Amino acid sequence: MLTPEIVGPSITQNSGIIGETVNLNLEHLGDMRPSSLLFNVTHRLLYTKFRDPGEPPPLHLFGQLKRVTKQWLDTCLQCKGSTYPALLMYQELADMACERITAGITRAFLGERPIKALLDPYNPAGSTRHVRFNTSKADRWDTKGPPPKCHINWVVLDSDWESEFCRVAEAHPQVRAYVKNHNLGLEVPYRFGSDQRKYIPDFIVLVDDGHGDDDLLHLIVEIKGYRGEDAKEKASTMKTYWVPGVNHLATHGRWAFAEFCDVYEIETEFKAKVESQFDQMIQPFVTPSPTSV
């Protein structure tokens, strides 16, 4: 979705000491032919997402990518607040579009081409055994329980919403443990526009979704009040790349991702997420009843 918040200032007033004041804007982009925009975005997609390092671009894919890009521009791109598709001619906005298109292609082929996770060769697995830090934040949640479900004595809160989540997690019968991801070192790299960033999820929850205590589900939880484009990119990265990659690795347990966006619905949404994971787990073993003729 293109909005003035993402595009930024698009009108500049240019005036000298004397003379007429002139307003400079981007209205000339509104006259751009759709075919020119389509070519530019497809070209950027091919060179940034489907070109291997040190190799020439795979030009034989241009036709296929062009069809996918046109479908995305026609059905997925939304422009609000006096923005228009031709603004994707700017590189940063084009990179955002390429990221969304690539994520859509990746999700379509998850079953055929699994995501491969690459671990840090020097530190493949972290630990909270030696976590100890000071904080100046006064908002905290005491994790004593009952029953105690967090091995760290305090949850450092960034909002009142997170205290509500702690209450729900400690009271939920299928939650075995949870922890706030504060100074624990769990970071997920992602790309927003042309920038490389790191996403730090809010919570990690161990859920018994039917596999028993020896095979608990690791549920990464994000608490969001306002869900901007940056938050959408984080969620897309988690659902499309990080979670499928770790699950395919099969050496660090089973993982899932959930976003909670309304403090008054957290308890209901948390229950629904646990139930959906349980249904997904048992679905392959459910034999459909024979239909009568």
C-alpha atoms as a PDB file:
ATOM      1  CA  MET A   1       0.000   0.000   0.000  1.00  0.00           C
ATOM      2  CA  LEU A   2       1.355   3.392  -1.010  1.00  0.00           C
ATOM      3  CA  THR A   3       0.559   6.185   1.439  1.00  0.00           C
ATOM      4  CA  PRO A   4       1.974   9.696   1.996  1.00  0.00           C
ATOM      5  CA  GLU A   5       3.643   8.335   5.137  1.00  0.00           C
ATOM      6  CA  ILE A   6       5.755   5.951   3.044  1.00  0.00           C
ATOM      7  CA  VAL A   7       6.331   8.225   0.076  1.00  0.00           C
ATOM      8  CA  GLY A   8       7.296  11.228   2.199  1.00  0.00           C
ATOM      9  CA  PRO A   9       7.147  14.891   1.193  1.00  0.00           C
ATOM     10  CA  SER A  10       6.274  15.259  -2.474  1.00  0.00           C
ATOM     11  CA  ILE A  11       5.890  19.059  -2.783  1.00  0.00           C
ATOM     12  CA  THR A  12       8.755  21.519  -2.342  1.00  0.00           C
ATOM     13  CA  GLN A  13       8.380  25.276  -2.438  1.00  0.00           C
ATOM     14  CA  ASN A  14      11.310  26.932  -4.164  1.00  0.00           C
ATOM     15  CA  SER A  15      11.704  30.686  -3.739  1.00  0.00           C
ATOM     16  CA  GLY A  16      14.613  33.076  -3.939  1.00  0.00           C
ATOM     17  CA  ILE A  17      15.187  36.470  -2.374  1.00  0.00           C
ATOM     18  CA  ILE A  18      13.308  38.015  -5.256  1.00  0.00           C
ATOM     19  CA  GLY A  19      11.158  36.581  -8.004  1.00  0.00           C
ATOM     20  CA  GLU A  20       8.253  34.219  -8.249  1.00  0.00           C
ATOM     21  CA  THR A  21       7.750  31.307  -5.843  1.00  0.00           C
ATOM     22  CA  VAL A  22       7.533  27.912  -7.548  1.00  0.00           C
ATOM     23  CA  ASN A  23       6.053  24.690  -6.179  1.00  0.00           C
ATOM     24  CA  LEU A  24       7.916  21.575  -7.321  1.00  0.00           C
ATOM     25  CA  ASN A  25       5.929  18.338  -7.225  1.00  0.00           C
ATOM     26  CA  LEU A  26       5.778  14.840  -8.674  1.00  0.00           C
ATOM     27  CA  GLU A  27       2.610  15.216 -10.695  1.00  0.00           C
ATOM     28  CA  HIS A  28       4.517  14.555 -13.920  1.00  0.00           C
ATOM     29  CA  LEU A  29       4.828  10.899 -12.841  1.00  0.00           C
ATOM     30  CA  GLY A  30       1.071  10.540 -13.155  1.00  0.00           C
ATOM     31  CA  ASP A  31       1.431  10.611 -16.948  1.00  0.00           C
ATOM     32  CA  MET A  32       3.805   7.644 -17.045  1.00  0.00           C
ATOM     33  CA  ARG A  33       2.692   4.758 -19.228  1.00  0.00           C
ATOM     34  CA  PRO A  34       1.818   1.589 -17.240  1.00  0.00           C
ATOM     35  CA  SER A  35       4.094  -0.449 -19.536  1.00  0.00           C
ATOM     36  CA  SER A  36       7.102   1.704 -18.561  1.00  0.00           C
ATOM     37  CA  LEU A  37       6.372   1.213 -14.855  1.00  0.00           C
ATOM     38  CA  LEU A  38       5.881  -2.518 -15.373  1.00  0.00           C
ATOM     39  CA  PHE A  39       9.235  -2.817 -17.160  1.00  0.00           C
ATOM     40  CA  ASN A  40      11.068  -0.847 -14.460  1.00  0.00           C
ATOM     41  CA  VAL A  41       9.695  -2.883 -11.536  1.00  0.00           C
ATOM     42  CA  THR A  42      10.286  -6.187 -13.337  1.00  0.00           C
ATOM     43  CA  HIS A  43      13.842  -5.140 -14.178  1.00  0.00           C
ATOM     44  CA  ARG A  44      14.501  -4.267 -10.524  1.00  0.00           C
ATOM     45  CA  LEU A  45      12.949  -7.538  -9.384  1.00  0.00           C
ATOM     46  CA  LEU A  46      15.079  -9.602 -11.757  1.00  0.00           C
ATOM     47  CA  TYR A  47      18.363  -7.907 -10.835  1.00  0.00           C
ATOM     48  CA  THR A  48      17.892  -7.724  -7.059  1.00  0.00           C
ATOM     49  CA  LYS A  49      15.955 -10.899  -6.196  1.00  0.00           C
ATOM     50  CA  PHE A  50      16.722 -13.508  -8.857  1.00  0.00           C
ATOM     51  CA  ARG A  51      20.337 -12.770  -9.772  1.00  0.00           C
ATOM     52  CA  ASP A  52      23.040 -14.846  -8.075  1.00  0.00           C
ATOM     53  CA  PRO A  53      26.151 -12.990  -6.831  1.00  0.00           C
ATOM     54  CA  GLY A  54      28.801 -12.754  -9.536  1.00  0.00           C
ATOM     55  CA  GLU A  55      26.481 -14.184 -12.176  1.00  0.00           C
ATOM     56  CA  PRO A  56      24.718 -12.499 -15.124  1.00  0.00           C
ATOM     57  CA  PRO A  57      20.996 -11.824 -14.694  1.00  0.00           C
ATOM     58  CA  PRO A  58      18.732 -14.745 -15.692  1.00  0.00           C
ATOM     59  CA  LEU A  59      17.051 -12.924 -18.558  1.00  0.00           C
ATOM     60  CA  HIS A  60      15.044 -16.027 -19.486  1.00  0.00           C
ATOM     61  CA  LEU A  61      12.912 -15.347 -16.366  1.00  0.00           C
ATOM     62  CA  PHE A  62      11.958 -11.828 -17.431  1.00  0.00           C
ATOM     63  CA  GLY A  63       8.745 -12.858 -19.182  1.00  0.00           C
ATOM     64  CA  GLN A  64       7.479 -14.895 -16.223  1.00  0.00           C
ATOM     65  CA  LEU A  65       8.387 -12.203 -13.719  1.00  0.00           C
ATOM     66  CA  LYS A  66       6.720  -9.582 -15.882  1.00  0.00           C
ATOM     67  CA  ARG A  67       3.426 -11.490 -15.765  1.00  0.00           C
ATOM     68  CA  VAL A  68       3.660 -11.893 -11.987  1.00  0.00           C
ATOM     69  CA  THR A  69       4.551  -8.219 -11.536  1.00  0.00           C
ATOM     70  CA  LYS A  70       1.616  -7.099 -13.680  1.00  0.00           C
ATOM     71  CA  GLN A  71      -0.746  -9.255 -11.639  1.00  0.00           C
ATOM     72  CA  TRP A  72       0.619  -7.727  -8.417  1.00  0.00           C
ATOM     73  CA  LEU A  73       0.289  -4.166  -9.743  1.00  0.00           C
ATOM     74  CA  ASP A  74      -3.268  -4.808 -10.927  1.00  0.00           C
ATOM     75  CA  THR A  75      -4.627  -6.703  -7.903  1.00  0.00           C
ATOM     76  CA  CYS A  76      -2.430  -6.040  -4.850  1.00  0.00           C
ATOM     77  CA  LEU A  77      -1.102  -2.489  -5.052  1.00  0.00           C
ATOM     78  CA  GLN A  78      -3.248   0.081  -3.245  1.00  0.00           C
ATOM     79  CA  CYS A  79      -2.639   3.824  -3.488  1.00  0.00           C
ATOM     80  CA  LYS A  80      -4.089   6.176  -0.894  1.00  0.00           C
ATOM     81  CA  GLY A  81      -3.794   9.825  -0.090  1.00  0.00           C
ATOM     82  CA  SER A  82      -3.007  11.241  -3.556  1.00  0.00           C
ATOM     83  CA  THR A  83      -0.314   8.656  -4.281  1.00  0.00           C
ATOM     84  CA  TYR A  84      -0.137   6.771  -7.587  1.00  0.00           C
ATOM     85  CA  PRO A  85       1.604   3.652  -8.964  1.00  0.00           C
ATOM     86  CA  ALA A  86       4.246   5.609 -10.889  1.00  0.00           C
ATOM     87  CA  LEU A  87       5.899   6.484  -7.559  1.00  0.00           C
ATOM     88  CA  LEU A  88       7.355   2.968  -7.726  1.00  0.00           C
ATOM     89  CA  MET A  89       9.886   4.405 -10.173  1.00  0.00           C
ATOM     90  CA  TYR A  90      11.820   5.528  -7.099  1.00  0.00           C
ATOM     91  CA  GLN A  91      14.283   2.843  -6.061  1.00  0.00           C
ATOM     92  CA  GLU A  92      13.343   2.506  -2.401  1.00  0.00           C
ATOM     93  CA  LEU A  93       9.648   2.135  -3.208  1.00  0.00           C
ATOM     94  CA  ALA A  94      10.470  -0.260  -6.038  1.00  0.00           C
ATOM     95  CA  ASP A  95      12.504  -2.363  -3.601  1.00  0.00           C
ATOM     96  CA  MET A  96       9.504  -2.539  -1.260  1.00  0.00           C
ATOM     97  CA  ALA A  97       7.368  -3.755  -4.153  1.00  0.00           C
ATOM     98  CA  CYS A  98       9.998  -6.335  -5.154  1.00  0.00           C
ATOM     99  CA  GLU A  99      10.114  -7.619  -1.571  1.00  0.00           C
ATOM    100  CA  ARG A 100       6.336  -8.134  -1.529  1.00  0.00           C
ATOM    101  CA  ILE A 101       6.321  -9.840  -4.937  1.00  0.00           C
ATOM    102  CA  THR A 102       9.200 -12.147  -3.986  1.00  0.00           C
ATOM    103  CA  ALA A 103       7.485 -13.088  -0.720  1.00  0.00           C
ATOM    104  CA  GLY A 104       4.323 -13.983  -2.645  1.00  0.00           C
ATOM    105  CA  ILE A 105       6.272 -16.177  -5.057  1.00  0.00           C
ATOM    106  CA  THR A 106       8.096 -17.866  -2.172  1.00  0.00           C
ATOM    107  CA  ARG A 107       4.872 -18.627  -0.297  1.00  0.00           C
ATOM    108  CA  ALA A 108       3.385 -20.188  -3.428  1.00  0.00           C
ATOM    109  CA  PHE A 109       6.249 -22.697  -3.661  1.00  0.00           C
ATOM    110  CA  LEU A 110       6.841 -23.482   0.035  1.00  0.00           C
ATOM    111  CA  GLY A 111       5.677 -27.074  -0.391  1.00  0.00           C
ATOM    112  CA  GLU A 112       7.820 -27.696  -3.479  1.00  0.00           C
ATOM    113  CA  ARG A 113      10.914 -25.648  -2.622  1.00  0.00           C
ATOM    114  CA  PRO A 114      11.445 -25.489   1.167  1.00  0.00           C
ATOM    115  CA  ILE A 115      13.258 -22.524   2.706  1.00  0.00           C
ATOM    116  CA  LYS A 116      16.773 -23.388   3.827  1.00  0.00           C
ATOM    117  CA  ALA A 117      17.936 -21.816   7.099  1.00  0.00           C
ATOM    118  CA  LEU A 118      21.633 -20.922   7.450  1.00  0.00           C
ATOM    119  CA  LEU A 119      22.880 -20.925  11.037  1.00  0.00           C
ATOM    120  CA  ASP A 120      25.657 -18.795  12.417  1.00  0.00           C
ATOM    121  CA  PRO A 121      28.683 -21.161  12.240  1.00  0.00           C
ATOM    122  CA  TYR A 122      30.255 -19.581  15.349  1.00  0.00           C
ATOM    123  CA  ASN A 123      27.110 -19.362  17.488  1.00  0.00           C
ATOM    124  CA  PRO A 124      24.433 -21.700  16.101  1.00  0.00           C
ATOM    125  CA  ALA A 125      22.316 -21.747  19.281  1.00  0.00           C
ATOM    126  CA  GLY A 126      21.882 -19.079  21.924  1.00  0.00           C
ATOM    127  CA  SER A 127      21.074 -19.481  25.618  1.00  0.00           C
ATOM    128  CA  THR A 128      19.394 -17.472  28.358  1.00  0.00           C
ATOM    129  CA  ARG A 129      21.490 -19.122  31.041  1.00  0.00           C
ATOM    130  CA  HIS A 130      23.677 -16.083  31.639  1.00  0.00           C
ATOM    131  CA  VAL A 131      21.168 -13.321  30.877  1.00  0.00           C
ATOM    132  CA  ARG A 132      21.553 -10.493  33.388  1.00  0.00           C
ATOM    133  CA  PHE A 133      21.024  -6.807  32.735  1.00  0.00           C
ATOM    134  CA  ASN A 134      19.928  -3.540  34.321  1.00  0.00           C
ATOM    135  CA  THR A 135      17.067  -1.414  33.039  1.00  0.00           C
ATOM    136  CA  SER A 136      15.745   2.058  33.778  1.00  0.00           C
ATOM    137  CA  LYS A 137      12.182   1.131  32.783  1.00  0.00           C
ATOM    138  CA  ALA A 138       9.746   1.257  35.677  1.00  0.00           C
ATOM    139  CA  ASP A 139       7.012  -0.805  33.993  1.00  0.00           C
ATOM    140  CA  ARG A 140       7.613  -4.455  34.803  1.00  0.00           C
ATOM    141  CA  TRP A 141       5.669  -7.661  35.335  1.00  0.00           C
ATOM    142  CA  ASP A 142       6.516  -9.974  38.213  1.00  0.00           C
ATOM    143  CA  THR A 143       6.728 -13.525  36.834  1.00  0.00           C
ATOM    144  CA  LYS A 144       6.354 -15.397  40.118  1.00  0.00           C
ATOM    145  CA  GLY A 145       3.038 -16.876  39.003  1.00  0.00           C
ATOM    146  CA  PRO A 146       1.354 -18.908  40.333  1.00  0.00           C
ATOM    147  CA  PRO A 147       2.380 -21.160  38.768  1.00  0.00           C
ATOM    148  CA  PRO A 148       5.751 -19.759  37.646  1.00  0.00           C
ATOM    149  CA  LYS A 149       6.038 -20.052  33.857  1.00  0.00           C
ATOM    150  CA  CYS A 150       8.984 -17.735  33.172  1.00  0.00           C
ATOM    151  CA  HIS A 151      12.586 -18.498  34.134  1.00  0.00           C
ATOM    152  CA  ILE A 152      13.419 -14.757  34.197  1.00  0.00           C
ATOM    153  CA  ASN A 153      12.175 -12.949  37.294  1.00  0.00           C
ATOM    154  CA  TRP A 154      10.841  -9.813  35.553  1.00  0.00           C
ATOM    155  CA  VAL A 155       9.247  -8.950  32.214  1.00  0.00           C
ATOM    156  CA  VAL A 156      10.341  -5.494  31.082  1.00  0.00           C
ATOM    157  CA  LEU A 157       7.208  -3.938  29.583  1.00  0.00           C
ATOM    158  CA  ASP A 158       7.119  -1.627  26.581  1.00  0.00           C
ATOM    159  CA  SER A 159       3.360  -1.057  26.870  1.00  0.00           C
ATOM    160  CA  ASP A 160       0.290  -1.934  28.945  1.00  0.00           C
ATOM    161  CA  TRP A 161      -0.651  -4.365  26.185  1.00  0.00           C
ATOM    162  CA  GLU A 162       2.331  -6.536  27.072  1.00  0.00           C
ATOM    163  CA  SER A 163       1.245  -6.772  30.714  1.00  0.00           C
ATOM    164  CA  GLU A 164      -2.139  -7.998  29.486  1.00  0.00           C
ATOM    165  CA  PHE A 165      -0.386 -10.636  27.389  1.00  0.00           C
ATOM    166  CA  CYS A 166       1.645 -11.789  30.423  1.00  0.00           C
ATOM    167  CA  ARG A 167      -1.582 -12.228  32.368  1.00  0.00           C
ATOM    168  CA  VAL A 168      -3.127 -14.303  29.578  1.00  0.00           C
ATOM    169  CA  ALA A 169       0.010 -16.426  29.048  1.00  0.00           C
ATOM    170  CA  GLU A 170       0.357 -17.274  32.738  1.00  0.00           C
ATOM    171  CA  ALA A 171      -3.310 -18.226  33.023  1.00  0.00           C
ATOM    172  CA  HIS A 172      -3.560 -20.267  29.811  1.00  0.00           C
ATOM    173  CA  PRO A 173      -3.575 -24.025  30.543  1.00  0.00           C
ATOM    174  CA  GLN A 174      -1.663 -24.963  27.372  1.00  0.00           C
ATOM    175  CA  VAL A 175       1.213 -22.538  27.976  1.00  0.00           C
ATOM    176  CA  ARG A 176       4.164 -24.262  29.583  1.00  0.00           C
ATOM    177  CA  ALA A 177       6.606 -21.321  29.584  1.00  0.00           C
ATOM    178  CA  TYR A 178       7.076 -17.842  28.146  1.00  0.00           C
ATOM    179  CA  VAL A 179       9.707 -15.110  28.112  1.00  0.00           C
ATOM    180  CA  LYS A 180       9.993 -11.510  26.932  1.00  0.00           C
ATOM    181  CA  ASN A 181      12.634 -11.241  24.220  1.00  0.00           C
ATOM    182  CA  HIS A 182      14.462  -8.376  25.917  1.00  0.00           C
ATOM    183  CA  ASN A 183      18.276  -8.557  25.791  1.00  0.00           C
ATOM    184  CA  LEU A 184      18.079 -12.257  24.919  1.00  0.00           C
ATOM    185  CA  GLY A 185      19.719 -11.912  21.511  1.00  0.00           C
ATOM    186  CA  LEU A 186      16.946 -13.278  19.264  1.00  0.00           C
ATOM    187  CA  GLU A 187      17.053 -11.029  16.191  1.00  0.00           C
ATOM    188  CA  VAL A 188      15.596 -11.639  12.735  1.00  0.00           C
ATOM    189  CA  PRO A 189      17.142  -9.812   9.750  1.00  0.00           C
ATOM    190  CA  TYR A 190      14.695  -8.371   7.245  1.00  0.00           C
ATOM    191  CA  ARG A 191      14.621  -5.819   4.464  1.00  0.00           C
ATOM    192  CA  PHE A 192      12.451  -2.701   4.370  1.00  0.00           C
ATOM    193  CA  GLY A 193      12.776  -0.857   1.105  1.00  0.00           C
ATOM    194  CA  SER A 194      16.503  -0.569   0.407  1.00  0.00           C
ATOM    195  CA  ASP A 195      17.508  -0.861   4.085  1.00  0.00           C
ATOM    196  CA  GLN A 196      18.662  -3.941   5.960  1.00  0.00           C
ATOM    197  CA  ARG A 197      17.109  -4.026   9.440  1.00  0.00           C
ATOM    198  CA  LYS A 198      16.809  -6.337  12.443  1.00  0.00           C
ATOM    199  CA  TYR A 199      13.503  -7.376  13.937  1.00  0.00           C
ATOM    200  CA  ILE A 200      13.346  -8.190  17.670  1.00  0.00           C
ATOM    201  CA  PRO A 201      10.144 -10.158  18.447  1.00  0.00           C
ATOM    202  CA  ASP A 202       8.300  -9.417  21.679  1.00  0.00           C
ATOM    203  CA  PHE A 203       7.683 -12.834  23.275  1.00  0.00           C
ATOM    204  CA  ILE A 204       8.528 -16.515  22.899  1.00  0.00           C
ATOM    205  CA  VAL A 205       5.925 -18.927  24.267  1.00  0.00           C
ATOM    206  CA  LEU A 206       6.139 -22.707  24.700  1.00  0.00           C
ATOM    207  CA  VAL A 207       2.720 -24.195  23.941  1.00  0.00           C
ATOM    208  CA  ASP A 208       1.487 -27.762  24.341  1.00  0.00           C
ATOM    209  CA  ASP A 209      -0.492 -28.167  21.128  1.00  0.00           C
ATOM    210  CA  GLY A 210      -1.012 -31.906  21.475  1.00  0.00           C
ATOM    211  CA  HIS A 211       2.517 -33.265  20.969  1.00  0.00           C
ATOM    212  CA  GLY A 212       3.232 -33.418  24.693  1.00  0.00           C
ATOM    213  CA  ASP A 213       5.837 -31.736  26.867  1.00  0.00           C
ATOM    214  CA  ASP A 214       8.712 -33.324  24.942  1.00  0.00           C
ATOM    215  CA  ASP A 215       7.742 -31.572  21.702  1.00  0.00           C
ATOM    216  CA  LEU A 216       6.316 -28.176  22.569  1.00  0.00           C
ATOM    217  CA  LEU A 217       5.482 -25.536  19.972  1.00  0.00           C
ATOM    218  CA  HIS A 218       7.649 -22.392  20.057  1.00  0.00           C
ATOM    219  CA  LEU A 219       5.216 -19.554  19.383  1.00  0.00           C
ATOM    220  CA  ILE A 220       6.789 -16.180  18.585  1.00  0.00           C
ATOM    221  CA  VAL A 221       4.373 -13.429  19.569  1.00  0.00           C
ATOM    222  CA  GLU A 222       4.311  -9.809  18.436  1.00  0.00           C
ATOM    223  CA  ILE A 223       2.148  -7.265  20.299  1.00  0.00           C
ATOM    224  CA  LYS A 224       1.155  -4.416  18.002  1.00  0.00           C
ATOM    225  CA  GLY A 225      -0.975  -1.354  18.606  1.00  0.00           C
ATOM    226  CA  TYR A 226      -0.462   0.304  15.222  1.00  0.00           C
ATOM    227  CA  ARG A 227       0.375  -1.960  12.287  1.00  0.00           C
ATOM    228  CA  GLY A 228       2.289   0.100   9.741  1.00  0.00           C
ATOM    229  CA  GLU A 229       4.069  -1.053   6.591  1.00  0.00           C
ATOM    230  CA  ASP A 230       7.220  -1.831   8.572  1.00  0.00           C
ATOM    231  CA  ALA A 231       5.271  -4.201  10.837  1.00  0.00           C
ATOM    232  CA  LYS A 232       3.767  -5.903   7.783  1.00  0.00           C
ATOM    233  CA  GLU A 233       7.256  -6.521   6.412  1.00  0.00           C
ATOM    234  CA  LYS A 234       8.361  -8.044   9.725  1.00  0.00           C
ATOM    235  CA  ALA A 235       5.364 -10.373   9.792  1.00  0.00           C
ATOM    236  CA  SER A 236       5.902 -11.340   6.156  1.00  0.00           C
ATOM    237  CA  THR A 237       9.544 -12.176   6.860  1.00  0.00           C
ATOM    238  CA  MET A 238       8.609 -14.344   9.844  1.00  0.00           C
ATOM    239  CA  LYS A 239       5.813 -16.236   8.070  1.00  0.00           C
ATOM    240  CA  THR A 240       7.498 -16.604   4.673  1.00  0.00           C
ATOM    241  CA  TYR A 241      11.153 -17.151   5.530  1.00  0.00           C
ATOM    242  CA  TRP A 242      12.118 -17.491   9.195  1.00  0.00           C
ATOM    243  CA  VAL A 243       9.479 -19.897  10.522  1.00  0.00           C
ATOM    244  CA  PRO A 244       9.462 -22.213   7.444  1.00  0.00           C
ATOM    245  CA  GLY A 245      13.280 -22.195   7.407  1.00  0.00           C
ATOM    246  CA  VAL A 246      13.654 -23.175  11.076  1.00  0.00           C
ATOM    247  CA  ASN A 247      10.919 -25.809  10.834  1.00  0.00           C
ATOM    248  CA  HIS A 248      12.559 -27.315   7.738  1.00  0.00           C
ATOM    249  CA  LEU A 249      15.863 -27.435   9.613  1.00  0.00           C
ATOM    250  CA  ALA A 250      14.169 -29.761  12.158  1.00  0.00           C
ATOM    251  CA  THR A 251      16.898 -29.346  14.803  1.00  0.00           C
ATOM    252  CA  HIS A 252      15.392 -26.561  16.944  1.00  0.00           C
ATOM    253  CA  GLY A 253      11.843 -27.795  17.475  1.00  0.00           C
ATOM    254  CA  ARG A 254       8.631 -26.539  15.884  1.00  0.00           C
ATOM    255  CA  TRP A 255       7.938 -22.830  15.493  1.00  0.00           C
ATOM    256  CA  ALA A 256       5.014 -20.552  14.607  1.00  0.00           C
ATOM    257  CA  PHE A 257       4.319 -16.818  14.567  1.00  0.00           C
ATOM    258  CA  ALA A 258       1.338 -14.781  15.790  1.00  0.00           C
ATOM    259  CA  GLU A 259       0.457 -11.087  15.934  1.00  0.00           C
ATOM    260  CA  PHE A 260      -1.970  -9.648  18.477  1.00  0.00           C
ATOM    261  CA  CYS A 261      -3.260  -6.205  17.573  1.00  0.00           C
ATOM    262  CA  ASP A 262      -6.074  -5.535  20.047  1.00  0.00           C
ATOM    263  CA  VAL A 263      -5.562  -5.647  23.799  1.00  0.00           C
ATOM    264  CA  TYR A 264      -9.239  -6.488  24.365  1.00  0.00           C
ATOM    265  CA  GLU A 265      -9.034  -9.498  22.057  1.00  0.00           C
ATOM    266  CA  ILE A 266      -5.715 -10.973  23.198  1.00  0.00           C
ATOM    267  CA  GLU A 267      -7.222 -13.763  25.273  1.00  0.00           C
ATOM    268  CA  THR A 268      -9.588 -14.818  22.475  1.00  0.00           C
ATOM    269  CA  GLU A 269      -6.932 -14.526  19.750  1.00  0.00           C
ATOM    270  CA  PHE A 270      -4.399 -16.483  21.815  1.00  0.00           C
ATOM    271  CA  LYS A 271      -6.868 -19.327  22.309  1.00  0.00           C
ATOM    272  CA  ALA A 272      -7.725 -19.304  18.599  1.00  0.00           C
ATOM    273  CA  LYS A 273      -4.034 -19.450  17.651  1.00  0.00           C
ATOM    274  CA  VAL A 274      -3.387 -22.428  19.939  1.00  0.00           C
ATOM    275  CA  GLU A 275      -6.455 -24.246  18.612  1.00  0.00           C
ATOM    276  CA  SER A 276      -5.478 -23.601  14.994  1.00  0.00           C
ATOM    277  CA  GLN A 277      -2.015 -25.039  15.597  1.00  0.00           C
ATOM    278  CA  PHE A 278      -3.582 -28.101  17.230  1.00  0.00           C
ATOM    279  CA  ASP A 279      -5.996 -28.555  14.310  1.00  0.00           C
ATOM    280  CA  GLN A 280      -3.119 -28.243  11.851  1.00  0.00           C
ATOM    281  CA  MET A 281      -1.210 -30.910  13.779  1.00  0.00           C
ATOM    282  CA  ILE A 282      -4.020 -33.496  13.783  1.00  0.00           C
ATOM    283  CA  GLN A 283      -5.370 -32.786  10.283  1.00  0.00           C
ATOM    284  CA  PRO A 284      -3.011 -35.209   8.447  1.00  0.00           C
ATOM    285  CA  PHE A 285      -4.232 -38.057  10.673  1.00  0.00           C
ATOM    286  CA  VAL A 286      -7.941 -37.379  10.349  1.00  0.00           C
ATOM    287  CA  THR A 287      -9.558 -39.818   7.937  1.00  0.00           C
ATOM    288  CA  PRO A 288     -12.499 -38.284   6.081  1.00  0.00           C
ATOM    289  CA  SER A 289     -15.761 -40.120   6.612  1.00  0.00           C
ATOM    290  CA  PRO A 290     -16.943 -42.112   3.575  1.00  0.00           C
ATOM    291  CA  THR A 291     -19.753 -40.470   1.633  1.00  0.00           C
ATOM    292  CA  SER A 292     -22.886 -42.464   1.107  1.00  0.00           C
ATOM    293  CA  VAL A 293     -24.019 -43.159  -2.432  1.00  0.00           C
END
